[in-house]
Amino acid sequence: MTDIQSTMYTLGQLARQIWPNGDMPLGLQHKVLATPATGFALMIKTPAAKRLARERTPDYEALIAKLPADLSDPPGGVTVEQQGPFWTGWYHYLAGIDRASKWGPQQLERAGKLLYGDRWQSDLARALDVGDRRVREWAAGDRRPSAGIWADIAALLRQRQQEGLALLQELDAGTTAPATD
């Protein structure tokens, strides 16, 4: 993803976290979509966002940390084509909320092994930017991963799926891309 796509995706996730029922004020929604830095500044001043900040909600802090430190509004605003990742993030986070209520240690282990093999816990911890201990707590069922973590795991699975399909297409076509380190 490009920087603007990644930023818009993260803003979509953040907005869904702040308004899990989808009741984001329409005017603010338009502001975030057209001018992300200005919209973000307004978004974090809302009572719902302030509550998450006060509670030091890990997902909230992690999403804020994913945004570029030099976030600024592009000249002329964000194009309609560049707004799509906002909605993808919005819906992926919603799916993460659903996963957090339904998935457990078995799904975490299956996803981890699929992504990283038998030594999945350390690699998954690095990919999610959390400590190994936290992943072990999730795997043991002592703690539950948040909606944002499930959304991130699903994104990792989607990325792996896309990489696998791209490789299959290259192999089927009899061409291969140069190996990367």
Protein backbone atom coordinates (compact mmCIF):
# COMPACT_ATOMS: atom_id res chain seq x y z
CA MET A 1 0.00 0.00 0.00
CA THR A 2 1.12 3.53 -0.65
CA ASP A 3 1.44 5.98 2.22
CA ILE A 4 -1.96 7.60 1.52
CA GLN A 5 -3.61 4.18 1.20
CA SER A 6 -2.08 2.99 4.47
CA THR A 7 -3.06 6.23 6.21
CA MET A 8 -6.64 6.06 4.94
CA TYR A 9 -6.90 2.38 5.93
CA THR A 10 -5.70 3.16 9.45
CA LEU A 11 -8.08 6.13 9.72
CA GLY A 12 -10.92 3.82 8.71
CA GLN A 13 -9.97 1.36 11.44
CA LEU A 14 -9.62 4.15 13.96
CA ALA A 15 -13.00 5.63 13.05
CA ARG A 16 -14.69 2.23 13.42
CA GLN A 17 -13.03 1.74 16.79
CA ILE A 18 -14.27 5.11 17.98
CA TRP A 19 -17.77 4.50 16.54
CA PRO A 20 -18.22 0.69 16.67
CA ASN A 21 -21.92 1.04 15.87
CA GLY A 22 -21.13 3.01 12.72
CA ASP A 23 -22.58 6.27 14.02
CA MET A 24 -19.66 8.50 13.02
CA PRO A 25 -20.99 12.03 12.40
CA LEU A 26 -21.45 12.47 8.65
CA GLY A 27 -19.76 15.88 8.50
CA LEU A 28 -16.70 14.49 10.29
CA GLN A 29 -16.68 11.47 8.01
CA HIS A 30 -16.56 13.74 4.95
CA LYS A 31 -13.77 15.81 6.54
CA VAL A 32 -11.62 12.72 7.25
CA LEU A 33 -12.16 11.39 3.74
CA ALA A 34 -11.26 14.66 2.00
CA THR A 35 -8.63 16.09 4.35
CA PRO A 36 -7.26 13.30 6.59
CA ALA A 37 -4.99 15.42 8.82
CA THR A 38 -7.70 17.98 9.51
CA GLY A 39 -10.30 15.24 9.95
CA PHE A 40 -8.05 13.27 12.27
CA ALA A 41 -7.45 16.37 14.43
CA LEU A 42 -11.22 16.82 14.74
CA MET A 43 -11.83 13.10 15.26
CA ILE A 44 -9.56 12.81 18.31
CA LYS A 45 -11.29 15.76 19.95
CA THR A 46 -14.64 13.95 20.06
CA PRO A 47 -15.91 12.65 23.41
CA ALA A 48 -15.75 9.04 22.19
CA ALA A 49 -12.08 9.37 21.16
CA LYS A 50 -11.19 11.19 24.37
CA ARG A 51 -12.73 8.33 26.36
CA LEU A 52 -10.57 5.77 24.52
CA ALA A 53 -7.48 7.92 25.10
CA ARG A 54 -8.27 8.27 28.83
CA GLU A 55 -8.75 4.53 29.15
CA ARG A 56 -5.43 4.00 27.34
CA THR A 57 -7.11 1.45 25.09
CA PRO A 58 -4.28 -0.56 23.45
CA ASP A 59 -5.97 -0.71 20.03
CA TYR A 60 -6.53 3.02 20.04
CA GLU A 61 -2.93 3.77 20.93
CA ALA A 62 -1.64 1.25 18.36
CA LEU A 63 -3.74 2.76 15.58
CA ILE A 64 -2.62 6.28 16.47
CA ALA A 65 0.99 5.05 16.38
CA LYS A 66 0.49 3.66 12.85
CA LEU A 67 -0.33 7.10 11.48
CA PRO A 68 2.59 9.06 10.05
CA ALA A 69 4.03 11.66 12.41
CA ASP A 70 3.99 14.17 9.56
CA LEU A 71 0.37 13.55 8.58
CA SER A 72 -0.78 16.39 6.37
CA ASP A 73 -3.59 17.08 3.96
CA PRO A 74 -2.65 16.51 0.34
CA PRO A 75 -2.91 19.60 -1.88
CA GLY A 76 -6.40 19.54 -3.37
CA GLY A 77 -7.54 16.88 -0.89
CA VAL A 78 -7.80 13.12 -1.18
CA THR A 79 -9.18 11.82 -4.46
CA VAL A 80 -12.20 9.53 -4.48
CA GLU A 81 -9.96 6.67 -5.62
CA GLN A 82 -7.71 7.18 -2.60
CA GLN A 83 -10.67 7.05 -0.19
CA GLY A 84 -11.37 3.36 -0.77
CA PRO A 85 -8.84 2.12 1.81
CA PHE A 86 -10.69 4.12 4.50
CA TRP A 87 -13.77 1.96 3.91
CA THR A 88 -11.70 -1.21 3.75
CA GLY A 89 -10.20 -0.37 7.15
CA TRP A 90 -13.66 0.55 8.47
CA TYR A 91 -15.11 -2.85 7.47
CA HIS A 92 -12.03 -4.90 8.38
CA TYR A 93 -12.12 -3.44 11.90
CA LEU A 94 -15.81 -4.29 12.15
CA ALA A 95 -14.98 -7.87 11.17
CA GLY A 96 -12.25 -7.78 13.84
CA ILE A 97 -14.85 -6.84 16.44
CA ASP A 98 -16.88 -9.89 15.40
CA ARG A 99 -13.79 -12.13 15.42
CA ALA A 100 -12.79 -10.94 18.89
CA SER A 101 -16.10 -12.17 20.24
CA LYS A 102 -16.00 -15.53 18.43
CA TRP A 103 -12.42 -16.61 17.83
CA GLY A 104 -10.17 -18.07 20.46
CA PRO A 105 -6.82 -19.77 21.01
CA GLN A 106 -7.49 -22.48 18.39
CA GLN A 107 -8.02 -19.93 15.61
CA LEU A 108 -4.99 -17.96 16.77
CA GLU A 109 -2.82 -21.07 16.60
CA ARG A 110 -4.15 -22.06 13.17
CA ALA A 111 -3.52 -18.57 11.80
CA GLY A 112 -0.08 -18.40 13.41
CA LYS A 113 1.02 -21.78 12.06
CA LEU A 114 -0.32 -21.00 8.60
CA LEU A 115 1.58 -17.71 8.54
CA TYR A 116 4.83 -18.74 10.25
CA GLY A 117 5.02 -22.50 10.82
CA ASP A 118 5.62 -24.33 14.07
CA ARG A 119 7.60 -21.46 15.66
CA TRP A 120 4.76 -19.05 15.00
CA GLN A 121 4.45 -17.26 18.33
CA SER A 122 7.65 -15.19 18.12
CA ASP A 123 7.15 -14.35 14.45
CA LEU A 124 3.52 -13.36 14.98
CA ALA A 125 4.53 -11.21 17.96
CA ARG A 126 7.05 -9.37 15.76
CA ALA A 127 4.52 -8.91 12.94
CA LEU A 128 1.96 -7.49 15.38
CA ASP A 129 4.55 -5.44 17.28
CA VAL A 130 3.67 -7.03 20.62
CA GLY A 131 5.72 -9.03 23.10
CA ASP A 132 6.11 -12.81 22.86
CA ARG A 133 4.58 -13.09 26.30
CA ARG A 134 1.37 -11.43 25.10
CA VAL A 135 1.03 -13.96 22.26
CA ARG A 136 1.62 -16.83 24.69
CA GLU A 137 -1.13 -15.42 26.95
CA TRP A 138 -3.51 -15.32 23.98
CA ALA A 139 -2.55 -18.85 22.93
CA ALA A 140 -3.12 -20.16 26.46
CA GLY A 141 -6.51 -18.42 26.66
CA ASP A 142 -5.37 -16.27 29.60
CA ARG A 143 -6.10 -13.08 27.64
CA ARG A 144 -8.18 -12.33 24.59
CA PRO A 145 -6.75 -10.52 21.56
CA SER A 146 -8.52 -7.26 20.83
CA ALA A 147 -10.53 -6.51 17.71
CA GLY A 148 -7.58 -4.60 16.28
CA ILE A 149 -5.27 -7.59 16.72
CA TRP A 150 -7.74 -9.87 14.96
CA ALA A 151 -8.05 -7.31 12.16
CA ASP A 152 -4.25 -7.25 11.86
CA ILE A 153 -4.05 -11.06 11.81
CA ALA A 154 -6.70 -11.16 9.10
CA ALA A 155 -4.70 -8.58 7.11
CA LEU A 156 -1.58 -10.76 7.42
CA LEU A 157 -3.58 -13.76 6.17
CA ARG A 158 -4.96 -11.74 3.24
CA GLN A 159 -1.45 -10.57 2.34
CA ARG A 160 -0.13 -14.15 2.42
CA GLN A 161 -3.06 -15.27 0.26
CA GLN A 162 -2.35 -12.56 -2.32
CA GLU A 163 1.36 -13.41 -2.38
CA GLY A 164 0.55 -17.08 -2.89
CA LEU A 165 -1.88 -16.35 -5.71
CA ALA A 166 0.65 -14.08 -7.41
CA LEU A 167 3.28 -16.81 -7.24
CA LEU A 168 0.85 -19.38 -8.65
CA GLN A 169 0.02 -17.07 -11.55
CA GLU A 170 3.73 -16.62 -12.30
CA LEU A 171 4.33 -20.37 -12.16
CA ASP A 172 1.32 -21.09 -14.36
CA ALA A 173 2.50 -18.51 -16.88
CA GLY A 174 6.01 -20.00 -16.86
CA THR A 175 7.58 -16.81 -15.57
CA THR A 176 9.01 -15.94 -12.22
CA ALA A 177 9.80 -12.68 -10.57
CA PRO A 178 13.33 -12.19 -9.22
CA ALA A 179 13.84 -13.65 -5.78
CA THR A 180 13.79 -11.17 -2.92
CA ASP A 181 15.70 -11.45 0.33
